[in-house]
Amino acid sequence: MDKRKMALLEKAFAAEIAGALTKSPRLMQTRSKLAEELVTEGLLEKVSERFGGGIFGVTLEGYKLTHAGRLLYCASCDG
């Protein structure tokens, strides 16, 4: 796996952790074409989440790590 793909997996992992700690959305937003490549490889999944209700609700679209993506990223860490 090249450095650009690993950097994108790291960004998704960081968004997941930050979302868990701050109780905010756990998805990564990007316009990168590389993210779509990782979706086809099964490492990321495209998601859409709705927050709030009524006319003031907000829909966020982004990417989340799959279990395979999380496993690959965590296995690559030296720590």
C-alpha atoms as a PDB file:
ATOM      1  CA  MET A   1       0.000   0.000   0.000  1.00  0.00           C
ATOM      2  CA  ASP A   2       1.415   3.397  -0.954  1.00  0.00           C
ATOM      3  CA  LYS A   3       1.842   6.375   1.364  1.00  0.00           C
ATOM      4  CA  ARG A   4      -1.079   8.350  -0.064  1.00  0.00           C
ATOM      5  CA  LYS A   5      -3.562   5.574   0.643  1.00  0.00           C
ATOM      6  CA  MET A   6      -2.184   5.012   4.135  1.00  0.00           C
ATOM      7  CA  ALA A   7      -2.431   8.756   4.828  1.00  0.00           C
ATOM      8  CA  LEU A   8      -6.093   8.719   3.813  1.00  0.00           C
ATOM      9  CA  LEU A   9      -6.771   5.684   6.031  1.00  0.00           C
ATOM     10  CA  GLU A  10      -5.032   7.542   8.873  1.00  0.00           C
ATOM     11  CA  LYS A  11      -7.268  10.567   8.291  1.00  0.00           C
ATOM     12  CA  ALA A  12     -10.367   8.343   8.431  1.00  0.00           C
ATOM     13  CA  PHE A  13      -9.102   6.651  11.608  1.00  0.00           C
ATOM     14  CA  ALA A  14      -8.398  10.036  13.223  1.00  0.00           C
ATOM     15  CA  ALA A  15     -11.923  11.237  12.338  1.00  0.00           C
ATOM     16  CA  GLU A  16     -13.357   8.088  13.911  1.00  0.00           C
ATOM     17  CA  ILE A  17     -11.405   8.586  17.156  1.00  0.00           C
ATOM     18  CA  ALA A  18     -12.114  12.338  17.336  1.00  0.00           C
ATOM     19  CA  GLY A  19     -15.809  11.687  16.780  1.00  0.00           C
ATOM     20  CA  ALA A  20     -15.888   9.133  19.572  1.00  0.00           C
ATOM     21  CA  LEU A  21     -14.128  11.460  22.009  1.00  0.00           C
ATOM     22  CA  THR A  22     -16.190  14.563  21.233  1.00  0.00           C
ATOM     23  CA  LYS A  23     -19.509  12.839  20.473  1.00  0.00           C
ATOM     24  CA  SER A  24     -19.526  14.329  16.978  1.00  0.00           C
ATOM     25  CA  PRO A  25     -19.921  12.637  13.563  1.00  0.00           C
ATOM     26  CA  ARG A  26     -17.440   9.803  13.040  1.00  0.00           C
ATOM     27  CA  LEU A  27     -16.963  10.255   9.334  1.00  0.00           C
ATOM     28  CA  MET A  28     -14.293  11.778   7.143  1.00  0.00           C
ATOM     29  CA  GLN A  29     -15.285  14.277   4.482  1.00  0.00           C
ATOM     30  CA  THR A  30     -13.110  14.524   1.384  1.00  0.00           C
ATOM     31  CA  ARG A  31     -13.386  15.084  -2.348  1.00  0.00           C
ATOM     32  CA  SER A  32     -10.370  12.914  -3.078  1.00  0.00           C
ATOM     33  CA  LYS A  33     -10.671  10.433  -5.932  1.00  0.00           C
ATOM     34  CA  LEU A  34      -8.381   8.214  -3.881  1.00  0.00           C
ATOM     35  CA  ALA A  35     -11.228   7.729  -1.391  1.00  0.00           C
ATOM     36  CA  GLU A  36     -13.355   6.209  -4.154  1.00  0.00           C
ATOM     37  CA  GLU A  37     -10.488   3.823  -4.976  1.00  0.00           C
ATOM     38  CA  LEU A  38     -10.389   2.739  -1.345  1.00  0.00           C
ATOM     39  CA  VAL A  39     -14.158   2.162  -1.468  1.00  0.00           C
ATOM     40  CA  THR A  40     -13.713  -0.226  -4.399  1.00  0.00           C
ATOM     41  CA  GLU A  41     -10.889  -1.969  -2.507  1.00  0.00           C
ATOM     42  CA  GLY A  42     -13.230  -2.459   0.474  1.00  0.00           C
ATOM     43  CA  LEU A  43     -11.251  -0.312   2.927  1.00  0.00           C
ATOM     44  CA  LEU A  44     -13.669   2.635   3.144  1.00  0.00           C
ATOM     45  CA  GLU A  45     -17.431   2.875   2.790  1.00  0.00           C
ATOM     46  CA  LYS A  46     -19.445   5.875   1.686  1.00  0.00           C
ATOM     47  CA  VAL A  47     -22.010   6.912   4.311  1.00  0.00           C
ATOM     48  CA  SER A  48     -24.684   9.541   4.812  1.00  0.00           C
ATOM     49  CA  GLU A  49     -25.837  10.550   8.299  1.00  0.00           C
ATOM     50  CA  ARG A  50     -28.679  12.877   9.274  1.00  0.00           C
ATOM     51  CA  PHE A  51     -28.443  14.991  12.405  1.00  0.00           C
ATOM     52  CA  GLY A  52     -31.207  17.051  13.948  1.00  0.00           C
ATOM     53  CA  GLY A  53     -34.794  17.011  12.865  1.00  0.00           C
ATOM     54  CA  GLY A  54     -37.409  19.019  11.101  1.00  0.00           C
ATOM     55  CA  ILE A  55     -36.422  21.742   8.702  1.00  0.00           C
ATOM     56  CA  PHE A  56     -33.162  22.428  10.531  1.00  0.00           C
ATOM     57  CA  GLY A  57     -31.732  18.929  10.150  1.00  0.00           C
ATOM     58  CA  VAL A  58     -28.381  18.484   8.468  1.00  0.00           C
ATOM     59  CA  THR A  59     -27.241  15.567   6.310  1.00  0.00           C
ATOM     60  CA  LEU A  60     -23.512  14.871   6.227  1.00  0.00           C
ATOM     61  CA  GLU A  61     -21.930  12.675   3.588  1.00  0.00           C
ATOM     62  CA  GLY A  62     -18.495  11.194   3.928  1.00  0.00           C
ATOM     63  CA  TYR A  63     -16.483   8.024   4.408  1.00  0.00           C
ATOM     64  CA  LYS A  64     -16.000   5.555   7.236  1.00  0.00           C
ATOM     65  CA  LEU A  65     -13.433   2.816   7.666  1.00  0.00           C
ATOM     66  CA  THR A  66     -14.604  -0.726   7.109  1.00  0.00           C
ATOM     67  CA  HIS A  67     -13.359  -3.460   9.425  1.00  0.00           C
ATOM     68  CA  ALA A  68     -10.809  -4.424   6.764  1.00  0.00           C
ATOM     69  CA  GLY A  69      -9.587  -0.822   6.513  1.00  0.00           C
ATOM     70  CA  ARG A  70      -9.302  -0.485  10.266  1.00  0.00           C
ATOM     71  CA  LEU A  71      -7.412  -3.777  10.524  1.00  0.00           C
ATOM     72  CA  LEU A  72      -5.023  -2.837   7.716  1.00  0.00           C
ATOM     73  CA  TYR A  73      -4.333   0.593   9.209  1.00  0.00           C
ATOM     74  CA  CYS A  74      -3.822  -0.689  12.749  1.00  0.00           C
ATOM     75  CA  ALA A  75      -1.585  -3.528  11.590  1.00  0.00           C
ATOM     76  CA  SER A  76       0.645  -1.037   9.760  1.00  0.00           C
ATOM     77  CA  CYS A  77       1.338   1.003  12.921  1.00  0.00           C
ATOM     78  CA  ASP A  78       4.705   0.413  14.538  1.00  0.00           C
ATOM     79  CA  GLY A  79       3.641   1.434  18.054  1.00  0.00           C
END
